């Protein structure tokens, strides 16, 4: 991907995008998101779950023992909506809530074996789609795509994202 002032990709100058070019990008994001979520949505529907359940499973898996407050912050949802999702996942035996070891007021969240299995199934469906798209686009496009996504994040969200990435490095 071209990377600097005046560089262009596909004949489009990146510094002077027209409203129509931006609309095309926005529409591509909407349709790509539909594709990205289609496979997990079908799997979730079989279990009676929605995307909120998927996001909770994903981030609990990525940060074993995360607290409810941390999950609230990462997901950017209300306590009421997260509690509704967690209650279902706990009742269905997919998530375990344990009292915090250092602060007994905290609840630490872990996936059970069944929760980890469902999360793997959901993630694999998305990894397959991402893998195919990345292969088709090539390494420069992959790096550029990530740069665009990171540039679209608000500062606070980018900080959370970077902190999460650093913990896994």
N, C-alpha and C. Protein backbone atom coordinates (compact mmCIF):
# COMPACT_ATOMS: atom_id res chain seq x y z
N UNK A 1 0.85 -1.18 0.00
CA UNK A 1 0.00 0.00 0.00
C UNK A 1 0.88 1.23 0.00
N UNK A 2 0.57 2.19 -0.85
CA UNK A 2 1.32 3.44 -0.86
C UNK A 2 1.15 4.11 0.49
N UNK A 3 2.23 4.77 0.93
CA UNK A 3 2.19 5.26 2.30
C UNK A 3 2.86 6.62 2.40
N UNK A 4 2.17 7.65 2.05
CA UNK A 4 2.75 8.97 2.21
C UNK A 4 1.97 10.01 1.43
N UNK A 5 2.33 11.28 1.61
CA UNK A 5 1.61 12.35 0.94
C UNK A 5 1.66 12.20 -0.57
N UNK A 6 0.52 12.34 -1.19
CA UNK A 6 0.45 12.31 -2.64
C UNK A 6 0.48 10.93 -3.25
N UNK A 7 0.74 9.89 -2.46
CA UNK A 7 0.75 8.54 -3.01
C UNK A 7 -0.66 8.12 -3.32
N UNK A 8 -0.79 7.23 -4.27
CA UNK A 8 -2.13 6.80 -4.64
C UNK A 8 -2.20 5.30 -4.79
N UNK A 9 -3.40 4.82 -4.69
CA UNK A 9 -3.69 3.41 -4.86
C UNK A 9 -4.83 3.33 -5.85
N UNK A 10 -4.65 2.53 -6.87
CA UNK A 10 -5.72 2.38 -7.85
C UNK A 10 -6.07 3.72 -8.48
N UNK A 11 -5.09 4.63 -8.60
CA UNK A 11 -5.32 5.92 -9.22
C UNK A 11 -6.03 6.92 -8.34
N UNK A 12 -6.35 6.57 -7.10
CA UNK A 12 -7.06 7.49 -6.20
C UNK A 12 -6.07 8.13 -5.26
N UNK A 13 -6.01 9.45 -5.28
CA UNK A 13 -5.12 10.16 -4.38
C UNK A 13 -5.70 10.07 -2.97
N UNK A 14 -4.91 9.54 -2.03
CA UNK A 14 -5.40 9.31 -0.67
C UNK A 14 -5.62 10.59 0.13
N UNK A 15 -5.00 11.68 -0.28
CA UNK A 15 -5.18 12.93 0.47
C UNK A 15 -6.46 13.66 0.07
N UNK A 16 -7.00 13.36 -1.09
CA UNK A 16 -8.14 14.11 -1.60
C UNK A 16 -9.26 13.18 -2.02
N UNK A 17 -9.79 12.44 -1.07
CA UNK A 17 -10.90 11.54 -1.37
C UNK A 17 -12.19 12.35 -1.52
N UNK A 18 -12.95 11.99 -2.51
CA UNK A 18 -14.23 12.66 -2.72
C UNK A 18 -15.27 12.06 -1.78
N UNK A 19 -16.38 12.78 -1.62
CA UNK A 19 -17.48 12.24 -0.82
C UNK A 19 -17.95 10.91 -1.38
N UNK A 20 -17.97 10.77 -2.69
CA UNK A 20 -18.41 9.52 -3.30
C UNK A 20 -17.44 8.38 -2.96
N UNK A 21 -16.15 8.64 -3.00
CA UNK A 21 -15.16 7.62 -2.63
C UNK A 21 -15.33 7.22 -1.16
N UNK A 22 -15.59 8.19 -0.30
CA UNK A 22 -15.82 7.90 1.12
C UNK A 22 -17.10 7.09 1.30
N UNK A 23 -18.18 7.45 0.57
CA UNK A 23 -19.43 6.68 0.64
C UNK A 23 -19.20 5.23 0.24
N UNK A 24 -18.41 5.02 -0.82
CA UNK A 24 -18.11 3.66 -1.27
C UNK A 24 -17.38 2.88 -0.17
N UNK A 25 -16.45 3.54 0.52
CA UNK A 25 -15.74 2.90 1.61
C UNK A 25 -16.67 2.56 2.77
N UNK A 26 -17.56 3.48 3.08
CA UNK A 26 -18.54 3.26 4.17
C UNK A 26 -19.44 2.09 3.81
N UNK A 27 -19.93 2.07 2.57
CA UNK A 27 -20.80 0.97 2.15
C UNK A 27 -20.04 -0.36 2.16
N UNK A 28 -18.79 -0.33 1.74
CA UNK A 28 -17.98 -1.56 1.77
C UNK A 28 -17.84 -2.06 3.21
N UNK A 29 -17.66 -1.13 4.17
CA UNK A 29 -17.55 -1.53 5.58
C UNK A 29 -18.85 -2.17 6.05
N UNK A 30 -19.99 -1.59 5.69
CA UNK A 30 -21.28 -2.16 6.09
C UNK A 30 -21.44 -3.58 5.54
N UNK A 31 -21.17 -3.75 4.26
CA UNK A 31 -21.36 -5.07 3.65
C UNK A 31 -20.31 -6.07 4.13
N UNK A 32 -19.08 -5.61 4.35
CA UNK A 32 -18.04 -6.50 4.89
C UNK A 32 -18.43 -6.96 6.30
N UNK A 33 -18.97 -6.06 7.10
CA UNK A 33 -19.40 -6.42 8.45
C UNK A 33 -20.50 -7.48 8.39
N UNK A 34 -21.42 -7.33 7.45
CA UNK A 34 -22.47 -8.35 7.29
C UNK A 34 -21.84 -9.71 6.99
N UNK A 35 -20.85 -9.72 6.11
CA UNK A 35 -20.17 -10.97 5.79
C UNK A 35 -19.40 -11.51 6.97
N UNK A 36 -18.71 -10.63 7.68
CA UNK A 36 -17.89 -11.02 8.82
C UNK A 36 -18.72 -11.64 9.94
N UNK A 37 -19.95 -11.15 10.10
CA UNK A 37 -20.80 -11.64 11.18
C UNK A 37 -21.77 -12.73 10.75
N UNK A 38 -21.89 -12.97 9.46
CA UNK A 38 -22.90 -13.93 8.95
C UNK A 38 -22.70 -15.35 9.48
N UNK A 39 -21.49 -15.85 9.41
CA UNK A 39 -21.23 -17.22 9.86
C UNK A 39 -21.47 -17.37 11.36
N UNK A 40 -20.87 -16.49 12.19
CA UNK A 40 -21.15 -16.59 13.63
C UNK A 40 -22.63 -16.40 13.96
N UNK A 41 -23.30 -15.51 13.24
CA UNK A 41 -24.73 -15.29 13.50
C UNK A 41 -25.52 -16.59 13.34
N UNK A 42 -25.20 -17.37 12.30
CA UNK A 42 -25.91 -18.64 12.08
C UNK A 42 -25.64 -19.61 13.23
N UNK A 43 -24.41 -19.66 13.69
CA UNK A 43 -24.03 -20.55 14.80
C UNK A 43 -24.73 -20.09 16.08
N UNK A 44 -24.69 -18.78 16.34
CA UNK A 44 -25.31 -18.22 17.55
C UNK A 44 -26.81 -18.46 17.56
N UNK A 45 -27.44 -18.33 16.40
CA UNK A 45 -28.89 -18.52 16.29
C UNK A 45 -29.28 -19.93 16.73
N UNK A 46 -28.47 -20.92 16.40
CA UNK A 46 -28.74 -22.31 16.81
C UNK A 46 -28.76 -22.45 18.33
N UNK A 47 -28.06 -21.56 19.03
CA UNK A 47 -27.98 -21.60 20.49
C UNK A 47 -28.92 -20.58 21.16
N UNK A 48 -29.59 -19.78 20.35
CA UNK A 48 -30.47 -18.76 20.90
C UNK A 48 -29.73 -17.53 21.40
N UNK A 49 -28.54 -17.28 20.86
CA UNK A 49 -27.71 -16.15 21.27
C UNK A 49 -27.61 -15.12 20.16
N UNK A 50 -27.09 -13.95 20.54
CA UNK A 50 -26.86 -12.89 19.57
C UNK A 50 -25.42 -12.42 19.62
N UNK A 51 -25.15 -11.34 18.91
CA UNK A 51 -23.79 -10.82 18.81
C UNK A 51 -23.21 -10.36 20.14
N UNK A 52 -24.06 -9.89 21.04
CA UNK A 52 -23.57 -9.47 22.36
C UNK A 52 -22.97 -10.66 23.10
N UNK A 53 -23.58 -11.82 22.96
CA UNK A 53 -23.05 -13.04 23.59
C UNK A 53 -21.69 -13.40 22.96
N UNK A 54 -21.61 -13.25 21.64
CA UNK A 54 -20.36 -13.56 20.94
C UNK A 54 -19.24 -12.64 21.42
N UNK A 55 -19.52 -11.34 21.50
CA UNK A 55 -18.49 -10.40 21.95
C UNK A 55 -18.04 -10.72 23.37
N UNK A 56 -18.98 -11.04 24.24
CA UNK A 56 -18.61 -11.39 25.62
C UNK A 56 -17.74 -12.63 25.65
N UNK A 57 -18.14 -13.67 24.92
CA UNK A 57 -17.33 -14.90 24.87
C UNK A 57 -15.94 -14.61 24.33
N UNK A 58 -15.86 -13.80 23.28
CA UNK A 58 -14.57 -13.49 22.67
C UNK A 58 -13.62 -12.83 23.68
N UNK A 59 -14.11 -11.79 24.35
CA UNK A 59 -13.21 -11.04 25.24
C UNK A 59 -12.96 -11.75 26.56
N UNK A 60 -13.87 -12.56 27.01
CA UNK A 60 -13.59 -13.38 28.20
C UNK A 60 -12.50 -14.39 27.84
N UNK A 61 -12.58 -14.95 26.65
CA UNK A 61 -11.56 -15.90 26.20
C UNK A 61 -10.20 -15.22 26.05
N UNK A 62 -10.19 -14.02 25.51
CA UNK A 62 -8.92 -13.32 25.26
C UNK A 62 -8.25 -12.85 26.55
N UNK A 63 -9.03 -12.64 27.61
CA UNK A 63 -8.48 -12.16 28.88
C UNK A 63 -9.08 -13.01 30.00
N UNK A 64 -8.53 -14.21 30.17
CA UNK A 64 -9.04 -15.13 31.20
C UNK A 64 -9.04 -14.44 32.56
N UNK A 65 -10.16 -14.53 33.25
CA UNK A 65 -10.27 -13.95 34.58
C UNK A 65 -10.57 -12.46 34.56
N UNK A 66 -10.94 -11.94 33.39
CA UNK A 66 -11.28 -10.51 33.33
C UNK A 66 -12.40 -10.22 34.31
N UNK A 67 -12.42 -8.99 34.78
CA UNK A 67 -13.48 -8.60 35.71
C UNK A 67 -14.69 -8.12 34.90
N UNK A 68 -15.82 -8.10 35.55
CA UNK A 68 -17.04 -7.58 34.93
C UNK A 68 -16.82 -6.12 34.54
N UNK A 69 -16.19 -5.35 35.42
CA UNK A 69 -15.94 -3.93 35.12
C UNK A 69 -15.03 -3.76 33.91
N UNK A 70 -14.01 -4.59 33.78
CA UNK A 70 -13.13 -4.51 32.62
C UNK A 70 -13.91 -4.86 31.35
N UNK A 71 -14.73 -5.89 31.43
CA UNK A 71 -15.53 -6.29 30.27
C UNK A 71 -16.50 -5.18 29.88
N UNK A 72 -17.09 -4.52 30.87
CA UNK A 72 -17.96 -3.37 30.59
C UNK A 72 -17.21 -2.30 29.81
N UNK A 73 -16.00 -2.02 30.24
CA UNK A 73 -15.19 -1.00 29.59
C UNK A 73 -14.81 -1.40 28.16
N UNK A 74 -14.39 -2.62 27.98
CA UNK A 74 -13.98 -3.10 26.66
C UNK A 74 -15.15 -3.11 25.69
N UNK A 75 -16.29 -3.59 26.14
CA UNK A 75 -17.45 -3.71 25.26
C UNK A 75 -18.19 -2.39 25.06
N UNK A 76 -18.05 -1.48 26.01
CA UNK A 76 -18.73 -0.20 25.90
C UNK A 76 -20.25 -0.31 25.95
N UNK A 77 -20.72 -1.22 26.80
CA UNK A 77 -22.16 -1.42 26.94
C UNK A 77 -22.59 -1.04 28.36
N UNK A 78 -23.89 -1.01 28.57
CA UNK A 78 -24.39 -0.69 29.90
C UNK A 78 -24.26 -1.92 30.80
N UNK A 79 -24.21 -1.67 32.08
CA UNK A 79 -24.14 -2.74 33.06
C UNK A 79 -25.36 -3.66 32.95
N UNK A 80 -26.51 -3.05 32.72
CA UNK A 80 -27.75 -3.82 32.61
C UNK A 80 -27.71 -4.79 31.42
N UNK A 81 -27.24 -4.31 30.26
CA UNK A 81 -27.21 -5.20 29.09
C UNK A 81 -26.15 -6.28 29.25
N UNK A 82 -25.00 -5.94 29.84
CA UNK A 82 -23.98 -6.96 30.06
C UNK A 82 -24.46 -7.99 31.07
N UNK A 83 -25.11 -7.55 32.13
CA UNK A 83 -25.61 -8.50 33.14
C UNK A 83 -26.61 -9.48 32.53
N UNK A 84 -27.43 -9.00 31.62
CA UNK A 84 -28.41 -9.86 30.96
C UNK A 84 -27.69 -10.94 30.14
N UNK A 85 -26.66 -10.54 29.40
CA UNK A 85 -25.88 -11.47 28.58
C UNK A 85 -25.13 -12.46 29.47
N UNK A 86 -24.45 -11.94 30.50
CA UNK A 86 -23.67 -12.81 31.39
C UNK A 86 -24.57 -13.80 32.13
N UNK A 87 -25.72 -13.34 32.57
CA UNK A 87 -26.65 -14.23 33.29
C UNK A 87 -26.99 -15.44 32.40
N UNK A 88 -27.30 -15.18 31.14
CA UNK A 88 -27.63 -16.27 30.21
C UNK A 88 -26.44 -17.20 30.01
N UNK A 89 -25.26 -16.64 29.79
CA UNK A 89 -24.07 -17.46 29.55
C UNK A 89 -23.70 -18.29 30.78
N UNK A 90 -23.89 -17.73 31.95
CA UNK A 90 -23.60 -18.45 33.19
C UNK A 90 -24.63 -19.55 33.41
N UNK A 91 -25.92 -19.20 33.25
CA UNK A 91 -26.98 -20.21 33.43
C UNK A 91 -26.85 -21.37 32.45
N UNK A 92 -26.36 -21.07 31.24
CA UNK A 92 -26.21 -22.11 30.21
C UNK A 92 -24.89 -22.87 30.34
N UNK A 93 -24.10 -22.53 31.35
CA UNK A 93 -22.86 -23.27 31.61
C UNK A 93 -21.71 -22.95 30.68
N UNK A 94 -21.72 -21.75 30.09
CA UNK A 94 -20.64 -21.37 29.18
C UNK A 94 -19.61 -20.46 29.84
N UNK A 95 -20.03 -19.75 30.88
CA UNK A 95 -19.15 -18.82 31.60
C UNK A 95 -19.27 -19.12 33.09
N UNK A 96 -18.13 -19.02 33.74
CA UNK A 96 -18.08 -19.20 35.20
C UNK A 96 -17.67 -17.86 35.81
N UNK A 97 -18.38 -17.45 36.85
CA UNK A 97 -18.07 -16.22 37.57
C UNK A 97 -17.51 -16.61 38.93
N UNK A 98 -16.27 -16.14 39.18
CA UNK A 98 -15.62 -16.46 40.46
C UNK A 98 -15.37 -15.16 41.23
N UNK A 99 -15.44 -15.27 42.54
CA UNK A 99 -15.15 -14.13 43.41
C UNK A 99 -13.66 -13.83 43.29
N UNK A 100 -13.33 -12.53 43.21
CA UNK A 100 -11.93 -12.11 43.07
C UNK A 100 -11.08 -12.53 44.25
N UNK A 101 -9.83 -12.89 43.96
CA UNK A 101 -8.91 -13.33 45.02
C UNK A 101 -8.39 -12.15 45.83
N UNK A 102 -8.14 -11.02 45.17
CA UNK A 102 -7.61 -9.86 45.90
C UNK A 102 -8.72 -8.93 46.36
N UNK A 103 -9.79 -8.85 45.60
CA UNK A 103 -10.93 -8.02 45.96
C UNK A 103 -12.19 -8.86 45.86
N UNK A 104 -12.74 -9.22 46.97
CA UNK A 104 -13.88 -10.14 47.00
C UNK A 104 -15.15 -9.52 46.39
N UNK A 105 -15.14 -8.21 46.16
CA UNK A 105 -16.28 -7.57 45.52
C UNK A 105 -16.27 -7.78 44.01
N UNK A 106 -15.09 -8.09 43.47
CA UNK A 106 -14.97 -8.30 42.03
C UNK A 106 -15.43 -9.70 41.65
N UNK A 107 -15.93 -9.79 40.42
CA UNK A 107 -16.24 -11.10 39.85
C UNK A 107 -15.32 -11.29 38.65
N UNK A 108 -14.58 -12.40 38.67
CA UNK A 108 -13.70 -12.74 37.56
C UNK A 108 -14.41 -13.76 36.67
N UNK A 109 -14.27 -13.58 35.37
CA UNK A 109 -15.01 -14.39 34.41
C UNK A 109 -14.08 -15.32 33.64
N UNK A 110 -14.53 -16.56 33.50
CA UNK A 110 -13.78 -17.59 32.79
C UNK A 110 -14.74 -18.38 31.92
N UNK A 111 -14.25 -18.83 30.77
CA UNK A 111 -15.06 -19.72 29.95
C UNK A 111 -14.97 -21.13 30.51
N UNK A 112 -16.08 -21.84 30.50
CA UNK A 112 -16.07 -23.26 30.83
C UNK A 112 -15.60 -24.01 29.57
N UNK A 113 -15.47 -25.32 29.66
CA UNK A 113 -15.10 -26.10 28.47
C UNK A 113 -16.10 -25.89 27.35
N UNK A 114 -17.38 -25.90 27.69
CA UNK A 114 -18.42 -25.70 26.68
C UNK A 114 -18.34 -24.28 26.09
N UNK A 115 -18.07 -23.30 26.93
CA UNK A 115 -17.93 -21.92 26.45
C UNK A 115 -16.73 -21.76 25.54
N UNK A 116 -15.62 -22.39 25.92
CA UNK A 116 -14.42 -22.32 25.09
C UNK A 116 -14.65 -23.01 23.75
N UNK A 117 -15.38 -24.11 23.74
CA UNK A 117 -15.67 -24.82 22.49
C UNK A 117 -16.53 -23.95 21.57
N UNK A 118 -17.54 -23.31 22.12
CA UNK A 118 -18.39 -22.44 21.30
C UNK A 118 -17.58 -21.25 20.79
N UNK A 119 -16.78 -20.66 21.64
CA UNK A 119 -15.97 -19.52 21.23
C UNK A 119 -15.02 -19.91 20.11
N UNK A 120 -14.40 -21.10 20.19
CA UNK A 120 -13.50 -21.59 19.14
C UNK A 120 -14.24 -21.74 17.81
N UNK A 121 -15.45 -22.28 17.86
CA UNK A 121 -16.25 -22.46 16.65
C UNK A 121 -16.56 -21.11 16.00
N UNK A 122 -16.97 -20.14 16.82
CA UNK A 122 -17.28 -18.81 16.31
C UNK A 122 -16.04 -18.13 15.74
N UNK A 123 -14.95 -18.20 16.47
CA UNK A 123 -13.71 -17.54 16.04
C UNK A 123 -13.15 -18.18 14.78
N UNK A 124 -13.23 -19.49 14.70
CA UNK A 124 -12.69 -20.17 13.51
C UNK A 124 -13.45 -19.76 12.26
N UNK A 125 -14.76 -19.59 12.38
CA UNK A 125 -15.55 -19.14 11.23
C UNK A 125 -15.06 -17.76 10.77
N UNK A 126 -14.78 -16.88 11.70
CA UNK A 126 -14.31 -15.54 11.33
C UNK A 126 -12.86 -15.57 10.86
N UNK A 127 -12.03 -16.40 11.48
CA UNK A 127 -10.64 -16.51 11.02
C UNK A 127 -10.57 -17.01 9.59
N UNK A 128 -11.41 -17.98 9.25
CA UNK A 128 -11.42 -18.50 7.88
C UNK A 128 -11.77 -17.39 6.88
N UNK A 129 -12.77 -16.58 7.22
CA UNK A 129 -13.17 -15.49 6.33
C UNK A 129 -12.06 -14.45 6.23
N UNK A 130 -11.46 -14.09 7.36
CA UNK A 130 -10.36 -13.11 7.36
C UNK A 130 -9.15 -13.65 6.60
N UNK A 131 -8.81 -14.91 6.83
CA UNK A 131 -7.68 -15.54 6.16
C UNK A 131 -7.85 -15.47 4.64
N UNK A 132 -9.03 -15.83 4.16
CA UNK A 132 -9.30 -15.81 2.72
C UNK A 132 -9.22 -14.37 2.17
N UNK A 133 -9.79 -13.43 2.89
CA UNK A 133 -9.75 -12.03 2.44
C UNK A 133 -8.32 -11.50 2.43
N UNK A 134 -7.57 -11.80 3.48
CA UNK A 134 -6.18 -11.34 3.56
C UNK A 134 -5.34 -11.94 2.43
N UNK A 135 -5.53 -13.23 2.18
CA UNK A 135 -4.79 -13.87 1.08
C UNK A 135 -5.11 -13.21 -0.25
N UNK A 136 -6.37 -12.92 -0.47
CA UNK A 136 -6.79 -12.31 -1.74
C UNK A 136 -6.24 -10.89 -1.87
N UNK A 137 -6.16 -10.16 -0.77
CA UNK A 137 -5.74 -8.76 -0.81
C UNK A 137 -4.22 -8.59 -0.82
N UNK A 138 -3.50 -9.49 -0.19
CA UNK A 138 -2.05 -9.39 -0.14
C UNK A 138 -1.54 -8.67 1.10
N UNK A 139 -0.25 -8.87 1.41
CA UNK A 139 0.32 -8.37 2.66
C UNK A 139 0.28 -6.85 2.82
N UNK A 140 0.49 -6.10 1.74
CA UNK A 140 0.46 -4.64 1.87
C UNK A 140 -0.95 -4.16 2.21
N UNK A 141 -1.94 -4.77 1.60
CA UNK A 141 -3.32 -4.40 1.87
C UNK A 141 -3.70 -4.76 3.30
N UNK A 142 -3.20 -5.88 3.80
CA UNK A 142 -3.50 -6.29 5.17
C UNK A 142 -2.97 -5.25 6.15
N UNK A 143 -1.73 -4.84 5.96
CA UNK A 143 -1.13 -3.83 6.85
C UNK A 143 -1.90 -2.51 6.73
N UNK A 144 -2.25 -2.13 5.52
CA UNK A 144 -2.99 -0.89 5.32
C UNK A 144 -4.38 -0.93 5.94
N UNK A 145 -5.04 -2.08 5.82
CA UNK A 145 -6.37 -2.26 6.40
C UNK A 145 -6.32 -2.08 7.91
N UNK A 146 -5.33 -2.70 8.55
CA UNK A 146 -5.20 -2.55 10.00
C UNK A 146 -4.91 -1.10 10.37
N UNK A 147 -4.09 -0.42 9.58
CA UNK A 147 -3.80 0.99 9.85
C UNK A 147 -5.07 1.83 9.76
N UNK A 148 -5.90 1.56 8.77
CA UNK A 148 -7.16 2.30 8.61
C UNK A 148 -8.06 2.04 9.80
N UNK A 149 -8.21 0.77 10.20
CA UNK A 149 -9.06 0.44 11.34
C UNK A 149 -8.57 1.14 12.60
N UNK A 150 -7.26 1.09 12.85
CA UNK A 150 -6.71 1.72 14.04
C UNK A 150 -6.88 3.23 14.00
N UNK A 151 -6.77 3.83 12.83
CA UNK A 151 -6.94 5.28 12.69
C UNK A 151 -8.39 5.70 12.93
N UNK A 152 -9.34 4.81 12.72
CA UNK A 152 -10.75 5.12 12.94
C UNK A 152 -11.14 5.04 14.41
N UNK A 153 -10.29 4.45 15.24
CA UNK A 153 -10.60 4.31 16.66
C UNK A 153 -10.43 5.64 17.39
N UNK A 154 -11.33 5.92 18.33
CA UNK A 154 -11.13 7.05 19.23
C UNK A 154 -9.90 6.77 20.09
N UNK A 155 -9.28 7.83 20.62
CA UNK A 155 -8.05 7.67 21.40
C UNK A 155 -8.21 6.68 22.55
N UNK A 156 -9.30 6.79 23.31
CA UNK A 156 -9.51 5.91 24.46
C UNK A 156 -9.64 4.45 24.01
N UNK A 157 -10.38 4.24 22.95
CA UNK A 157 -10.57 2.88 22.44
C UNK A 157 -9.25 2.34 21.90
N UNK A 158 -8.48 3.18 21.19
CA UNK A 158 -7.19 2.75 20.67
C UNK A 158 -6.26 2.37 21.82
N UNK A 159 -6.33 3.10 22.93
CA UNK A 159 -5.50 2.77 24.10
C UNK A 159 -5.88 1.39 24.65
N UNK A 160 -7.18 1.11 24.75
CA UNK A 160 -7.62 -0.21 25.21
C UNK A 160 -7.14 -1.30 24.26
N UNK A 161 -7.29 -1.05 22.98
CA UNK A 161 -6.88 -2.00 21.94
C UNK A 161 -5.38 -2.29 22.04
N UNK A 162 -4.58 -1.23 22.15
CA UNK A 162 -3.13 -1.40 22.24
C UNK A 162 -2.73 -2.11 23.53
N UNK A 163 -3.40 -1.80 24.63
CA UNK A 163 -3.11 -2.46 25.89
C UNK A 163 -3.42 -3.96 25.79
N UNK A 164 -4.50 -4.29 25.14
CA UNK A 164 -4.88 -5.69 24.96
C UNK A 164 -3.86 -6.41 24.08
N UNK A 165 -3.41 -5.73 23.04
CA UNK A 165 -2.41 -6.32 22.13
C UNK A 165 -1.09 -6.55 22.87
N UNK A 166 -0.70 -5.61 23.71
CA UNK A 166 0.56 -5.73 24.44
C UNK A 166 0.53 -6.87 25.44
N UNK A 167 -0.63 -7.08 26.08
CA UNK A 167 -0.75 -8.18 27.05
C UNK A 167 -0.55 -9.54 26.38
N UNK A 168 -0.89 -9.62 25.11
CA UNK A 168 -0.79 -10.90 24.41
C UNK A 168 0.53 -11.08 23.70
N UNK A 169 1.37 -10.07 23.69
CA UNK A 169 2.66 -10.16 22.98
C UNK A 169 3.65 -10.99 23.73
